[in-house]
Amino acid sequence: MGRIMALLLLCAALLGAREWSLRIGGMHCIACTLAVKKALLGVPGVRAARVNFKNESALVTADESVTLGAMQNAVAQTGYTITAVISK
């Protein structure tokens, strides 16, 4: 897992992308995870999204143009919330 995270961070840095670590509220199962991931990937400029319902978190790699508000709106449309940004 550590190698994958390091590789994602390196790719993000090389490609001019931003890494977002988000706290997602309302997830209870794998279906929730898939819904949130689909919503995040639907935001223009989001390159990758890893969602974990057990940790209620998402790790998103996105272009510099992507805003927190855009991701919050997309996730809210699926019935979940972004309750916190852990780091940017």
PDB file of N, CA and C in Angstrom:
ATOM      1  N   MET A   1       0.835  -1.192   0.000  1.00  0.00           N
ATOM      2  CA  MET A   1       0.000   0.000   0.000  1.00  0.00           C
ATOM      3  C   MET A   1       0.877   1.252   0.000  1.00  0.00           C
ATOM      4  N   GLY A   2       1.947   1.263   0.754  1.00  0.00           N
ATOM      5  CA  GLY A   2       2.830   2.419   0.827  1.00  0.00           C
ATOM      6  C   GLY A   2       3.460   2.760  -0.505  1.00  0.00           C
ATOM      7  N   ARG A   3       3.819   1.737  -1.276  1.00  0.00           N
ATOM      8  CA  ARG A   3       4.423   1.970  -2.591  1.00  0.00           C
ATOM      9  C   ARG A   3       3.421   2.593  -3.554  1.00  0.00           C
ATOM     10  N   ILE A   4       2.186   2.133  -3.486  1.00  0.00           N
ATOM     11  CA  ILE A   4       1.151   2.678  -4.363  1.00  0.00           C
ATOM     12  C   ILE A   4       0.929   4.154  -4.045  1.00  0.00           C
ATOM     13  N   MET A   5       0.861   4.477  -2.759  1.00  0.00           N
ATOM     14  CA  MET A   5       0.651   5.868  -2.347  1.00  0.00           C
ATOM     15  C   MET A   5       1.811   6.740  -2.813  1.00  0.00           C
ATOM     16  N   ALA A   6       3.034   6.251  -2.653  1.00  0.00           N
ATOM     17  CA  ALA A   6       4.207   7.011  -3.079  1.00  0.00           C
ATOM     18  C   ALA A   6       4.196   7.224  -4.591  1.00  0.00           C
ATOM     19  N   LEU A   7       3.797   6.202  -5.328  1.00  0.00           N
ATOM     20  CA  LEU A   7       3.722   6.312  -6.782  1.00  0.00           C
ATOM     21  C   LEU A   7       2.659   7.326  -7.202  1.00  0.00           C
ATOM     22  N   LEU A   8       1.510   7.305  -6.544  1.00  0.00           N
ATOM     23  CA  LEU A   8       0.457   8.282  -6.849  1.00  0.00           C
ATOM     24  C   LEU A   8       0.932   9.706  -6.585  1.00  0.00           C
ATOM     25  N   LEU A   9       1.615   9.912  -5.470  1.00  0.00           N
ATOM     26  CA  LEU A   9       2.124  11.242  -5.144  1.00  0.00           C
ATOM     27  C   LEU A   9       3.165  11.708  -6.158  1.00  0.00           C
ATOM     28  N   LEU A  10       4.038  10.809  -6.563  1.00  0.00           N
ATOM     29  CA  LEU A  10       5.059  11.146  -7.550  1.00  0.00           C
ATOM     30  C   LEU A  10       4.421  11.498  -8.888  1.00  0.00           C
ATOM     31  N   CYS A  11       3.466  10.692  -9.324  1.00  0.00           N
ATOM     32  CA  CYS A  11       2.772  10.971 -10.589  1.00  0.00           C
ATOM     33  C   CYS A  11       2.050  12.313 -10.527  1.00  0.00           C
ATOM     34  N   ALA A  12       1.406  12.585  -9.421  1.00  0.00           N
ATOM     35  CA  ALA A  12       0.686  13.850  -9.262  1.00  0.00           C
ATOM     36  C   ALA A  12       1.644  15.028  -9.367  1.00  0.00           C
ATOM     37  N   ALA A  13       2.795  14.908  -8.733  1.00  0.00           N
ATOM     38  CA  ALA A  13       3.772  15.992  -8.767  1.00  0.00           C
ATOM     39  C   ALA A  13       4.327  16.198 -10.177  1.00  0.00           C
ATOM     40  N   LEU A  14       4.603  15.115 -10.874  1.00  0.00           N
ATOM     41  CA  LEU A  14       5.173  15.214 -12.212  1.00  0.00           C
ATOM     42  C   LEU A  14       4.180  15.734 -13.237  1.00  0.00           C
ATOM     43  N   LEU A  15       2.915  15.451 -13.049  1.00  0.00           N
ATOM     44  CA  LEU A  15       1.903  15.836 -14.029  1.00  0.00           C
ATOM     45  C   LEU A  15       1.196  17.141 -13.681  1.00  0.00           C
ATOM     46  N   GLY A  16       1.632  17.829 -12.663  1.00  0.00           N
ATOM     47  CA  GLY A  16       1.002  19.087 -12.286  1.00  0.00           C
ATOM     48  C   GLY A  16      -0.354  18.900 -11.652  1.00  0.00           C
ATOM     49  N   ALA A  17      -0.552  17.793 -10.999  1.00  0.00           N
ATOM     50  CA  ALA A  17      -1.838  17.509 -10.369  1.00  0.00           C
ATOM     51  C   ALA A  17      -1.767  17.786  -8.876  1.00  0.00           C
ATOM     52  N   ARG A  18      -2.934  17.851  -8.280  1.00  0.00           N
ATOM     53  CA  ARG A  18      -3.073  18.041  -6.839  1.00  0.00           C
ATOM     54  C   ARG A  18      -3.571  16.763  -6.200  1.00  0.00           C
ATOM     55  N   GLU A  19      -3.169  16.547  -5.009  1.00  0.00           N
ATOM     56  CA  GLU A  19      -3.616  15.394  -4.228  1.00  0.00           C
ATOM     57  C   GLU A  19      -4.553  15.907  -3.138  1.00  0.00           C
ATOM     58  N   TRP A  20      -5.756  15.362  -3.079  1.00  0.00           N
ATOM     59  CA  TRP A  20      -6.739  15.721  -2.060  1.00  0.00           C
ATOM     60  C   TRP A  20      -7.010  14.505  -1.191  1.00  0.00           C
ATOM     61  N   SER A  21      -6.976  14.682   0.092  1.00  0.00           N
ATOM     62  CA  SER A  21      -7.356  13.631   1.026  1.00  0.00           C
ATOM     63  C   SER A  21      -8.624  14.108   1.729  1.00  0.00           C
ATOM     64  N   LEU A  22      -9.723  13.407   1.482  1.00  0.00           N
ATOM     65  CA  LEU A  22     -11.031  13.867   1.931  1.00  0.00           C
ATOM     66  C   LEU A  22     -11.659  12.911   2.941  1.00  0.00           C
ATOM     67  N   ARG A  23     -12.411  13.451   3.862  1.00  0.00           N
ATOM     68  CA  ARG A  23     -13.221  12.657   4.788  1.00  0.00           C
ATOM     69  C   ARG A  23     -14.634  12.666   4.215  1.00  0.00           C
ATOM     70  N   ILE A  24     -15.188  11.475   3.972  1.00  0.00           N
ATOM     71  CA  ILE A  24     -16.507  11.341   3.371  1.00  0.00           C
ATOM     72  C   ILE A  24     -17.495  10.853   4.422  1.00  0.00           C
ATOM     73  N   GLY A  25     -18.614  11.542   4.548  1.00  0.00           N
ATOM     74  CA  GLY A  25     -19.632  11.152   5.516  1.00  0.00           C
ATOM     75  C   GLY A  25     -20.767  10.394   4.869  1.00  0.00           C
ATOM     76  N   GLY A  26     -21.279   9.385   5.571  1.00  0.00           N
ATOM     77  CA  GLY A  26     -22.469   8.666   5.143  1.00  0.00           C
ATOM     78  C   GLY A  26     -22.239   7.338   4.460  1.00  0.00           C
ATOM     79  N   MET A  27     -20.997   6.923   4.271  1.00  0.00           N
ATOM     80  CA  MET A  27     -20.734   5.641   3.608  1.00  0.00           C
ATOM     81  C   MET A  27     -20.837   4.487   4.601  1.00  0.00           C
ATOM     82  N   HIS A  28     -21.464   3.382   4.142  1.00  0.00           N
ATOM     83  CA  HIS A  28     -21.639   2.221   5.014  1.00  0.00           C
ATOM     84  C   HIS A  28     -21.225   0.904   4.371  1.00  0.00           C
ATOM     85  N   CYS A  29     -21.017   0.890   3.064  1.00  0.00           N
ATOM     86  CA  CYS A  29     -20.750  -0.375   2.383  1.00  0.00           C
ATOM     87  C   CYS A  29     -19.982  -0.143   1.088  1.00  0.00           C
ATOM     88  N   ILE A  30     -19.703  -1.225   0.394  1.00  0.00           N
ATOM     89  CA  ILE A  30     -18.966  -1.134  -0.859  1.00  0.00           C
ATOM     90  C   ILE A  30     -19.767  -0.398  -1.929  1.00  0.00           C
ATOM     91  N   ALA A  31     -21.084  -0.571  -1.925  1.00  0.00           N
ATOM     92  CA  ALA A  31     -21.913   0.151  -2.896  1.00  0.00           C
ATOM     93  C   ALA A  31     -21.768   1.661  -2.692  1.00  0.00           C
ATOM     94  N   CYS A  32     -21.678   2.086  -1.441  1.00  0.00           N
ATOM     95  CA  CYS A  32     -21.457   3.506  -1.139  1.00  0.00           C
ATOM     96  C   CYS A  32     -20.123   3.963  -1.734  1.00  0.00           C
ATOM     97  N   THR A  33     -19.114   3.142  -1.555  1.00  0.00           N
ATOM     98  CA  THR A  33     -17.780   3.444  -2.068  1.00  0.00           C
ATOM     99  C   THR A  33     -17.826   3.653  -3.582  1.00  0.00           C
ATOM    100  N   LEU A  34     -18.503   2.753  -4.261  1.00  0.00           N
ATOM    101  CA  LEU A  34     -18.588   2.841  -5.720  1.00  0.00           C
ATOM    102  C   LEU A  34     -19.342   4.088  -6.170  1.00  0.00           C
ATOM    103  N   ALA A  35     -20.399   4.446  -5.454  1.00  0.00           N
ATOM    104  CA  ALA A  35     -21.176   5.645  -5.801  1.00  0.00           C
ATOM    105  C   ALA A  35     -20.336   6.906  -5.631  1.00  0.00           C
ATOM    106  N   VAL A  36     -19.596   6.982  -4.531  1.00  0.00           N
ATOM    107  CA  VAL A  36     -18.758   8.158  -4.278  1.00  0.00           C
ATOM    108  C   VAL A  36     -17.625   8.231  -5.300  1.00  0.00           C
ATOM    109  N   LYS A  37     -17.006   7.092  -5.584  1.00  0.00           N
ATOM    110  CA  LYS A  37     -15.916   7.070  -6.564  1.00  0.00           C
ATOM    111  C   LYS A  37     -16.415   7.521  -7.936  1.00  0.00           C
ATOM    112  N   LYS A  38     -17.575   7.016  -8.352  1.00  0.00           N
ATOM    113  CA  LYS A  38     -18.148   7.404  -9.645  1.00  0.00           C
ATOM    114  C   LYS A  38     -18.431   8.908  -9.682  1.00  0.00           C
ATOM    115  N   ALA A  39     -18.956   9.431  -8.585  1.00  0.00           N
ATOM    116  CA  ALA A  39     -19.251  10.867  -8.519  1.00  0.00           C
ATOM    117  C   ALA A  39     -17.973  11.689  -8.632  1.00  0.00           C
ATOM    118  N   LEU A  40     -16.939  11.291  -7.914  1.00  0.00           N
ATOM    119  CA  LEU A  40     -15.678  12.029  -7.957  1.00  0.00           C
ATOM    120  C   LEU A  40     -15.037  11.957  -9.339  1.00  0.00           C
ATOM    121  N   LEU A  41     -15.056  10.779  -9.952  1.00  0.00           N
ATOM    122  CA  LEU A  41     -14.470  10.634 -11.280  1.00  0.00           C
ATOM    123  C   LEU A  41     -15.264  11.385 -12.343  1.00  0.00           C
ATOM    124  N   GLY A  42     -16.509  11.722 -12.037  1.00  0.00           N
ATOM    125  CA  GLY A  42     -17.333  12.495 -12.955  1.00  0.00           C
ATOM    126  C   GLY A  42     -17.029  13.985 -12.950  1.00  0.00           C
ATOM    127  N   VAL A  43     -16.240  14.430 -11.983  1.00  0.00           N
ATOM    128  CA  VAL A  43     -15.857  15.847 -11.929  1.00  0.00           C
ATOM    129  C   VAL A  43     -14.760  16.083 -12.972  1.00  0.00           C
ATOM    130  N   PRO A  44     -14.978  17.005 -13.903  1.00  0.00           N
ATOM    131  CA  PRO A  44     -13.951  17.275 -14.915  1.00  0.00           C
ATOM    132  C   PRO A  44     -12.614  17.643 -14.268  1.00  0.00           C
ATOM    133  N   GLY A  45     -11.560  16.941 -14.686  1.00  0.00           N
ATOM    134  CA  GLY A  45     -10.230  17.206 -14.148  1.00  0.00           C
ATOM    135  C   GLY A  45      -9.788  16.221 -13.077  1.00  0.00           C
ATOM    136  N   VAL A  46     -10.709  15.431 -12.551  1.00  0.00           N
ATOM    137  CA  VAL A  46     -10.319  14.412 -11.573  1.00  0.00           C
ATOM    138  C   VAL A  46      -9.719  13.247 -12.347  1.00  0.00           C
ATOM    139  N   ARG A  47      -8.494  12.893 -12.000  1.00  0.00           N
ATOM    140  CA  ARG A  47      -7.765  11.837 -12.712  1.00  0.00           C
ATOM    141  C   ARG A  47      -7.906  10.473 -12.053  1.00  0.00           C
ATOM    142  N   ALA A  48      -7.988  10.461 -10.732  1.00  0.00           N
ATOM    143  CA  ALA A  48      -8.084   9.191 -10.005  1.00  0.00           C
ATOM    144  C   ALA A  48      -8.758   9.435  -8.661  1.00  0.00           C
ATOM    145  N   ALA A  49      -9.458   8.408  -8.190  1.00  0.00           N
ATOM    146  CA  ALA A  49     -10.099   8.491  -6.876  1.00  0.00           C
ATOM    147  C   ALA A  49     -10.054   7.111  -6.229  1.00  0.00           C
ATOM    148  N   ARG A  50      -9.531   7.071  -5.032  1.00  0.00           N
ATOM    149  CA  ARG A  50      -9.517   5.841  -4.228  1.00  0.00           C
ATOM    150  C   ARG A  50     -10.382   6.112  -3.009  1.00  0.00           C
ATOM    151  N   VAL A  51     -11.444   5.328  -2.858  1.00  0.00           N
ATOM    152  CA  VAL A  51     -12.415   5.561  -1.800  1.00  0.00           C
ATOM    153  C   VAL A  51     -12.446   4.342  -0.884  1.00  0.00           C
ATOM    154  N   ASN A  52     -12.488   4.598   0.428  1.00  0.00           N
ATOM    155  CA  ASN A  52     -12.503   3.531   1.428  1.00  0.00           C
ATOM    156  C   ASN A  52     -13.635   3.796   2.417  1.00  0.00           C
ATOM    157  N   PHE A  53     -14.665   2.922   2.413  1.00  0.00           N
ATOM    158  CA  PHE A  53     -15.800   3.172   3.302  1.00  0.00           C
ATOM    159  C   PHE A  53     -15.455   2.899   4.763  1.00  0.00           C
ATOM    160  N   LYS A  54     -14.556   1.973   5.034  1.00  0.00           N
ATOM    161  CA  LYS A  54     -14.175   1.680   6.424  1.00  0.00           C
ATOM    162  C   LYS A  54     -13.527   2.883   7.090  1.00  0.00           C
ATOM    163  N   ASN A  55     -12.694   3.580   6.341  1.00  0.00           N
ATOM    164  CA  ASN A  55     -12.022   4.774   6.866  1.00  0.00           C
ATOM    165  C   ASN A  55     -12.816   6.045   6.590  1.00  0.00           C
ATOM    166  N   GLU A  56     -13.908   5.915   5.851  1.00  0.00           N
ATOM    167  CA  GLU A  56     -14.703   7.061   5.420  1.00  0.00           C
ATOM    168  C   GLU A  56     -13.817   8.125   4.779  1.00  0.00           C
ATOM    169  N   SER A  57     -12.998   7.681   3.823  1.00  0.00           N
ATOM    170  CA  SER A  57     -12.046   8.600   3.221  1.00  0.00           C
ATOM    171  C   SER A  57     -11.949   8.400   1.718  1.00  0.00           C
ATOM    172  N   ALA A  58     -11.389   9.410   1.074  1.00  0.00           N
ATOM    173  CA  ALA A  58     -11.114   9.333  -0.360  1.00  0.00           C
ATOM    174  C   ALA A  58      -9.790  10.040  -0.627  1.00  0.00           C
ATOM    175  N   LEU A  59      -9.005   9.471  -1.500  1.00  0.00           N
ATOM    176  CA  LEU A  59      -7.759  10.069  -1.954  1.00  0.00           C
ATOM    177  C   LEU A  59      -7.965  10.392  -3.430  1.00  0.00           C
ATOM    178  N   VAL A  60      -7.915  11.665  -3.770  1.00  0.00           N
ATOM    179  CA  VAL A  60      -8.244  12.117  -5.121  1.00  0.00           C
ATOM    180  C   VAL A  60      -7.029  12.803  -5.739  1.00  0.00           C
ATOM    181  N   THR A  61      -6.725  12.434  -6.969  1.00  0.00           N
ATOM    182  CA  THR A  61      -5.703  13.112  -7.754  1.00  0.00           C
ATOM    183  C   THR A  61      -6.433  13.877  -8.842  1.00  0.00           C
ATOM    184  N   ALA A  62      -6.178  15.178  -8.920  1.00  0.00           N
ATOM    185  CA  ALA A  62      -6.921  16.016  -9.854  1.00  0.00           C
ATOM    186  C   ALA A  62      -6.048  17.129 -10.413  1.00  0.00           C
ATOM    187  N   ASP A  63      -6.501  17.654 -11.547  1.00  0.00           N
ATOM    188  CA  ASP A  63      -5.849  18.820 -12.140  1.00  0.00           C
ATOM    189  C   ASP A  63      -5.939  19.989 -11.164  1.00  0.00           C
ATOM    190  N   GLU A  64      -5.087  20.974 -11.371  1.00  0.00           N
ATOM    191  CA  GLU A  64      -5.079  22.174 -10.536  1.00  0.00           C
ATOM    192  C   GLU A  64      -6.401  22.937 -10.602  1.00  0.00           C
ATOM    193  N   SER A  65      -7.146  22.747 -11.686  1.00  0.00           N
ATOM    194  CA  SER A  65      -8.396  23.482 -11.874  1.00  0.00           C
ATOM    195  C   SER A  65      -9.556  22.956 -11.020  1.00  0.00           C
ATOM    196  N   VAL A  66      -9.433  21.755 -10.490  1.00  0.00           N
ATOM    197  CA  VAL A  66     -10.520  21.158  -9.706  1.00  0.00           C
ATOM    198  C   VAL A  66     -10.613  21.837  -8.346  1.00  0.00           C
ATOM    199  N   THR A  67     -11.846  22.157  -7.952  1.00  0.00           N
ATOM    200  CA  THR A  67     -12.061  22.811  -6.659  1.00  0.00           C
ATOM    201  C   THR A  67     -12.738  21.862  -5.680  1.00  0.00           C
ATOM    202  N   LEU A  68     -12.580  22.177  -4.419  1.00  0.00           N
ATOM    203  CA  LEU A  68     -13.254  21.409  -3.384  1.00  0.00           C
ATOM    204  C   LEU A  68     -14.766  21.494  -3.578  1.00  0.00           C
ATOM    205  N   GLY A  69     -15.253  22.666  -3.932  1.00  0.00           N
ATOM    206  CA  GLY A  69     -16.688  22.853  -4.139  1.00  0.00           C
ATOM    207  C   GLY A  69     -17.246  21.941  -5.222  1.00  0.00           C
ATOM    208  N   ALA A  70     -16.507  21.763  -6.306  1.00  0.00           N
ATOM    209  CA  ALA A  70     -16.957  20.880  -7.385  1.00  0.00           C
ATOM    210  C   ALA A  70     -17.072  19.443  -6.898  1.00  0.00           C
ATOM    211  N   MET A  71     -16.095  19.008  -6.110  1.00  0.00           N
ATOM    212  CA  MET A  71     -16.143  17.644  -5.580  1.00  0.00           C
ATOM    213  C   MET A  71     -17.264  17.508  -4.554  1.00  0.00           C
ATOM    214  N   GLN A  72     -17.455  18.519  -3.703  1.00  0.00           N
ATOM    215  CA  GLN A  72     -18.531  18.486  -2.718  1.00  0.00           C
ATOM    216  C   GLN A  72     -19.895  18.389  -3.401  1.00  0.00           C
ATOM    217  N   ASN A  73     -20.100  19.159  -4.456  1.00  0.00           N
ATOM    218  CA  ASN A  73     -21.367  19.123  -5.179  1.00  0.00           C
ATOM    219  C   ASN A  73     -21.626  17.752  -5.796  1.00  0.00           C
ATOM    220  N   ALA A  74     -20.600  17.173  -6.416  1.00  0.00           N
ATOM    221  CA  ALA A  74     -20.756  15.865  -7.051  1.00  0.00           C
ATOM    222  C   ALA A  74     -21.091  14.798  -6.018  1.00  0.00           C
ATOM    223  N   VAL A  75     -20.394  14.812  -4.894  1.00  0.00           N
ATOM    224  CA  VAL A  75     -20.632  13.823  -3.838  1.00  0.00           C
ATOM    225  C   VAL A  75     -22.004  14.037  -3.201  1.00  0.00           C
ATOM    226  N   ALA A  76     -22.400  15.290  -3.017  1.00  0.00           N
ATOM    227  CA  ALA A  76     -23.706  15.595  -2.417  1.00  0.00           C
ATOM    228  C   ALA A  76     -24.843  15.074  -3.285  1.00  0.00           C
ATOM    229  N   GLN A  77     -24.685  15.090  -4.593  1.00  0.00           N
ATOM    230  CA  GLN A  77     -25.726  14.601  -5.491  1.00  0.00           C
ATOM    231  C   GLN A  77     -25.953  13.097  -5.345  1.00  0.00           C
ATOM    232  N   THR A  78     -25.004  12.391  -4.753  1.00  0.00           N
ATOM    233  CA  THR A  78     -25.164  10.952  -4.525  1.00  0.00           C
ATOM    234  C   THR A  78     -25.654  10.659  -3.108  1.00  0.00           C
ATOM    235  N   GLY A  79     -25.822  11.714  -2.303  1.00  0.00           N
ATOM    236  CA  GLY A  79     -26.348  11.530  -0.955  1.00  0.00           C
ATOM    237  C   GLY A  79     -25.301  11.449   0.140  1.00  0.00           C
ATOM    238  N   TYR A  80     -24.046  11.741  -0.190  1.00  0.00           N
ATOM    239  CA  TYR A  80     -22.965  11.694   0.794  1.00  0.00           C
ATOM    240  C   TYR A  80     -22.399  13.098   0.968  1.00  0.00           C
ATOM    241  N   THR A  81     -21.495  13.260   1.916  1.00  0.00           N
ATOM    242  CA  THR A  81     -20.916  14.575   2.155  1.00  0.00           C
ATOM    243  C   THR A  81     -19.406  14.487   2.284  1.00  0.00           C
ATOM    244  N   ILE A  82     -18.747  15.550   1.896  1.00  0.00           N
ATOM    245  CA  ILE A  82     -17.327  15.701   2.206  1.00  0.00           C
ATOM    246  C   ILE A  82     -17.307  16.530   3.482  1.00  0.00           C
ATOM    247  N   THR A  83     -16.926  15.884   4.582  1.00  0.00           N
ATOM    248  CA  THR A  83     -16.999  16.543   5.882  1.00  0.00           C
ATOM    249  C   THR A  83     -15.708  17.258   6.263  1.00  0.00           C
ATOM    250  N   ALA A  84     -14.607  16.894   5.609  1.00  0.00           N
ATOM    251  CA  ALA A  84     -13.335  17.536   5.940  1.00  0.00           C
ATOM    252  C   ALA A  84     -12.315  17.279   4.835  1.00  0.00           C
ATOM    253  N   VAL A  85     -11.395  18.207   4.704  1.00  0.00           N
ATOM    254  CA  VAL A  85     -10.246  18.021   3.845  1.00  0.00           C
ATOM    255  C   VAL A  85      -9.080  17.764   4.775  1.00  0.00           C
ATOM    256  N   ILE A  86      -8.519  16.577   4.701  1.00  0.00           N
ATOM    257  CA  ILE A  86      -7.444  16.203   5.604  1.00  0.00           C
ATOM    258  C   ILE A  86      -6.149  16.896   5.213  1.00  0.00           C
ATOM    259  N   SER A  87      -5.887  16.951   3.925  1.00  0.00           N
ATOM    260  CA  SER A  87      -4.699  17.672   3.446  1.00  0.00           C
ATOM    261  C   SER A  87      -4.883  17.995   1.983  1.00  0.00           C
ATOM    262  N   LYS A  88      -4.138  19.004   1.520  1.00  0.00           N
ATOM    263  CA  LYS A  88      -4.170  19.371   0.111  1.00  0.00           C
ATOM    264  C   LYS A  88      -2.766  19.385  -0.424  1.00  0.00           C
TER     265      LYS A  88
END
